[in-house]
Amino acid sequence: MSQSQPPPTVTPAERIRELLAINADVPALLSSAGGAINALTNRPPNAASNDSDDMVDVQSDNSAAAHKEAFTKHTTAYFTLIQSIMARLRRQAYALEEAGIIAAEAPTLSTTGAAEASGPARRGPVGQAQRQPAEDGDRVTNGGLGNLDVGLLNSRGNSVGLDKEAELIAEAKQMVAQMLKERQKDA
């Protein structure tokens, strides 16, 4: 009988190298997006690429055809890069799931203990009671805050500005009172 070899394991160093390669593609992605946006303006499109055999100087060509060509080129590059980056990030996420570092699914209200005690419970691997998986509408989003935008709430609160304004007015009153006392002494 022939023994089958176990699949090769990927080391953490190789995973980090893969993430660094993904990170190196982000500036090219942003450059492609910028080139596509530039092609939509009245400025002459810059279709000169980094490939030495594909260097084309169209700085002086400001025609609609040149804009269309530049837009097509940059959007194609953008979507190719975004698909590549997403596929590689998905593989990284799957590897983290397989290693047990992250959960395979988003936590639900029933698994976080925030749901009511109604519904059938089942026994988990360590013997504790666990609830059945929640419906799609019960997914925990934004750390359990749902669609609540804490930043928006904080921006609406003006207590810091009002408190600082009150402090500055009190300091100004003290300075004016001190100046009046000094004038009375001098007079």
Protein backbone atom coordinates (compact mmCIF):
# COMPACT_ATOMS: atom_id res chain seq x y z
CA MET A 1 0.00 0.00 0.00
CA SER A 2 1.25 3.42 -0.85
CA GLN A 3 1.11 6.08 1.75
CA SER A 4 -0.28 9.42 0.73
CA GLN A 5 1.70 12.42 1.80
CA PRO A 6 -0.02 14.98 3.98
CA PRO A 7 -0.74 18.30 2.29
CA PRO A 8 2.10 20.79 2.70
CA THR A 9 1.57 23.15 5.59
CA VAL A 10 2.01 26.85 5.13
CA THR A 11 4.20 28.46 7.75
CA PRO A 12 3.32 31.73 9.48
CA ALA A 13 6.28 33.35 7.72
CA GLU A 14 4.83 32.39 4.34
CA ARG A 15 1.44 33.78 5.39
CA ILE A 16 3.09 37.06 6.35
CA ARG A 17 4.91 37.17 2.99
CA GLU A 18 1.56 36.65 1.23
CA LEU A 19 0.04 39.52 3.24
CA LEU A 20 3.01 41.74 2.37
CA ALA A 21 2.48 40.94 -1.33
CA ILE A 22 -1.18 41.90 -0.96
CA ASN A 23 -0.12 45.09 0.81
CA ALA A 24 2.27 45.91 -2.05
CA ASP A 25 -0.64 45.75 -4.54
CA VAL A 26 -2.74 48.34 -2.70
CA PRO A 27 -0.81 51.39 -4.04
CA ALA A 28 -1.18 50.04 -7.59
CA LEU A 29 -4.91 49.62 -6.94
CA LEU A 30 -5.19 53.22 -5.75
CA SER A 31 -3.12 54.44 -8.69
CA SER A 32 -5.44 52.66 -11.12
CA ALA A 33 -8.48 54.21 -9.43
CA GLY A 34 -6.84 57.64 -9.60
CA GLY A 35 -5.99 57.17 -13.27
CA ALA A 36 -9.59 56.19 -14.04
CA ILE A 37 -10.93 59.23 -12.20
CA ASN A 38 -8.39 61.46 -13.96
CA ALA A 39 -9.60 60.12 -17.32
CA LEU A 40 -13.06 61.44 -16.47
CA THR A 41 -11.78 65.02 -16.10
CA ASN A 42 -10.80 67.61 -18.69
CA ARG A 43 -7.10 67.16 -17.94
CA PRO A 44 -5.11 65.21 -20.51
CA PRO A 45 -5.08 61.52 -19.55
CA ASN A 46 -1.74 60.06 -18.53
CA ALA A 47 -1.72 56.71 -20.28
CA ALA A 48 2.02 56.15 -19.85
CA SER A 49 2.38 52.85 -18.05
CA ASN A 50 5.29 51.37 -16.14
CA ASP A 51 5.85 48.72 -18.83
CA SER A 52 8.80 49.78 -20.98
CA ASP A 53 7.35 48.34 -24.20
CA ASP A 54 3.96 49.97 -23.59
CA MET A 55 5.18 53.55 -22.99
CA VAL A 56 2.81 55.84 -24.81
CA ASP A 57 2.91 59.58 -24.37
CA VAL A 58 -0.58 60.95 -24.77
CA GLN A 59 -0.06 64.09 -22.69
CA SER A 60 -0.84 66.23 -25.72
CA ASP A 61 -3.82 64.11 -26.85
CA ASN A 62 -6.88 65.38 -24.99
CA SER A 63 -9.48 63.79 -27.28
CA ALA A 64 -12.50 61.82 -26.10
CA ALA A 65 -10.97 58.66 -27.56
CA ALA A 66 -7.81 59.12 -25.49
CA HIS A 67 -9.91 59.67 -22.35
CA LYS A 68 -11.97 56.57 -23.13
CA GLU A 69 -8.86 54.47 -23.74
CA ALA A 70 -7.22 55.65 -20.52
CA PHE A 71 -10.42 55.06 -18.53
CA THR A 72 -10.78 51.54 -19.94
CA LYS A 73 -7.14 50.72 -19.24
CA HIS A 74 -7.24 51.99 -15.65
CA THR A 75 -10.60 50.45 -14.76
CA THR A 76 -9.50 47.08 -16.17
CA ALA A 77 -6.33 47.25 -14.07
CA TYR A 78 -8.37 48.33 -11.02
CA PHE A 79 -10.86 45.48 -11.25
CA THR A 80 -8.14 42.93 -11.97
CA LEU A 81 -6.21 44.04 -8.88
CA ILE A 82 -9.29 44.18 -6.65
CA GLN A 83 -10.28 40.64 -7.64
CA SER A 84 -6.76 39.40 -7.02
CA ILE A 85 -6.53 41.11 -3.64
CA MET A 86 -9.96 39.87 -2.55
CA ALA A 87 -9.17 36.28 -3.56
CA ARG A 88 -5.88 36.32 -1.66
CA LEU A 89 -7.49 37.92 1.42
CA ARG A 90 -10.26 35.30 1.29
CA ARG A 91 -7.60 32.56 1.30
CA GLN A 92 -5.96 34.21 4.30
CA ALA A 93 -9.31 34.34 6.12
CA TYR A 94 -9.96 30.66 5.36
CA ALA A 95 -6.53 29.80 6.74
CA LEU A 96 -7.31 31.73 9.93
CA GLU A 97 -10.63 29.89 10.23
CA GLU A 98 -8.92 26.51 9.76
CA ALA A 99 -6.39 27.41 12.42
CA GLY A 100 -9.23 28.32 14.80
CA ILE A 101 -8.03 31.91 15.17
CA ILE A 102 -11.25 33.46 13.92
CA ALA A 103 -14.81 32.15 13.86
CA ALA A 104 -16.12 30.75 10.60
CA GLU A 105 -19.33 32.76 10.95
CA ALA A 106 -20.22 36.06 12.52
CA PRO A 107 -21.46 35.68 16.11
CA THR A 108 -25.20 35.81 16.53
CA LEU A 109 -27.31 37.21 19.33
CA SER A 110 -28.11 33.70 20.51
CA THR A 111 -24.44 32.71 20.77
CA THR A 112 -23.45 35.88 22.60
CA GLY A 113 -26.04 35.34 25.30
CA ALA A 114 -27.90 38.57 24.57
CA ALA A 115 -31.03 36.85 23.28
CA GLU A 116 -34.01 35.83 25.37
CA ALA A 117 -34.07 32.43 26.97
CA SER A 118 -36.82 31.14 24.69
CA GLY A 119 -36.15 28.52 22.04
CA PRO A 120 -34.68 25.03 22.08
CA ALA A 121 -31.24 24.60 23.59
CA ARG A 122 -28.70 21.92 22.69
CA ARG A 123 -25.58 20.57 24.34
CA GLY A 124 -22.25 21.77 23.03
CA PRO A 125 -18.92 19.97 22.91
CA VAL A 126 -18.03 20.88 26.51
CA GLY A 127 -21.46 20.16 27.93
CA GLN A 128 -22.81 23.68 28.32
CA ALA A 129 -26.23 24.48 26.97
CA GLN A 130 -26.15 26.31 23.66
CA ARG A 131 -28.97 27.83 21.68
CA GLN A 132 -29.88 26.93 18.15
CA PRO A 133 -28.37 29.17 15.45
CA ALA A 134 -30.25 32.42 15.12
CA GLU A 135 -32.15 33.61 12.12
CA ASP A 136 -30.39 35.82 9.59
CA GLY A 137 -31.91 38.96 11.12
CA ASP A 138 -30.31 38.24 14.49
CA ARG A 139 -26.68 38.63 13.37
CA VAL A 140 -24.52 40.82 15.59
CA THR A 141 -23.35 43.85 13.66
CA ASN A 142 -21.16 46.74 14.75
CA GLY A 143 -20.16 45.02 18.00
CA GLY A 144 -23.78 44.53 19.03
CA LEU A 145 -24.76 48.13 18.35
CA GLY A 146 -26.54 47.29 15.09
CA ASN A 147 -26.87 50.27 12.79
CA LEU A 148 -26.17 52.73 15.59
CA ASP A 149 -23.34 55.04 14.58
CA VAL A 150 -21.55 56.07 17.76
CA GLY A 151 -19.44 58.59 15.85
CA LEU A 152 -22.57 60.35 14.69
CA LEU A 153 -23.89 60.51 18.24
CA ASN A 154 -20.60 61.86 19.53
CA SER A 155 -20.52 64.52 16.83
CA ARG A 156 -24.01 65.64 17.87
CA GLY A 157 -23.00 66.09 21.49
CA ASN A 158 -21.64 69.56 22.08
CA SER A 159 -20.88 69.39 25.79
CA VAL A 160 -17.11 69.55 25.27
CA GLY A 161 -17.36 72.71 23.19
CA LEU A 162 -19.77 74.35 25.64
CA ASP A 163 -17.60 73.43 28.62
CA LYS A 164 -14.49 74.87 26.97
CA GLU A 165 -16.39 78.02 26.00
CA ALA A 166 -17.49 78.48 29.63
CA GLU A 167 -13.88 78.04 30.81
CA LEU A 168 -12.62 80.63 28.32
CA ILE A 169 -15.33 83.14 29.32
CA ALA A 170 -14.47 82.66 33.01
CA GLU A 171 -10.77 83.22 32.26
CA ALA A 172 -11.58 86.33 30.22
CA LYS A 173 -13.70 87.72 33.09
CA GLN A 174 -10.83 87.11 35.51
CA MET A 175 -8.38 88.88 33.22
CA VAL A 176 -10.71 91.88 32.79
CA ALA A 177 -11.28 92.08 36.56
CA GLN A 178 -7.53 91.90 37.18
CA MET A 179 -6.88 94.63 34.61
CA LEU A 180 -9.53 96.87 36.22
CA LYS A 181 -7.94 96.34 39.67
CA GLU A 182 -4.52 97.26 38.26
CA ARG A 183 -5.92 100.43 36.65
CA GLN A 184 -7.58 101.45 39.90
CA LYS A 185 -4.24 101.03 41.72
CA ASP A 186 -2.46 103.12 39.10
CA ALA A 187 -5.08 105.87 39.21
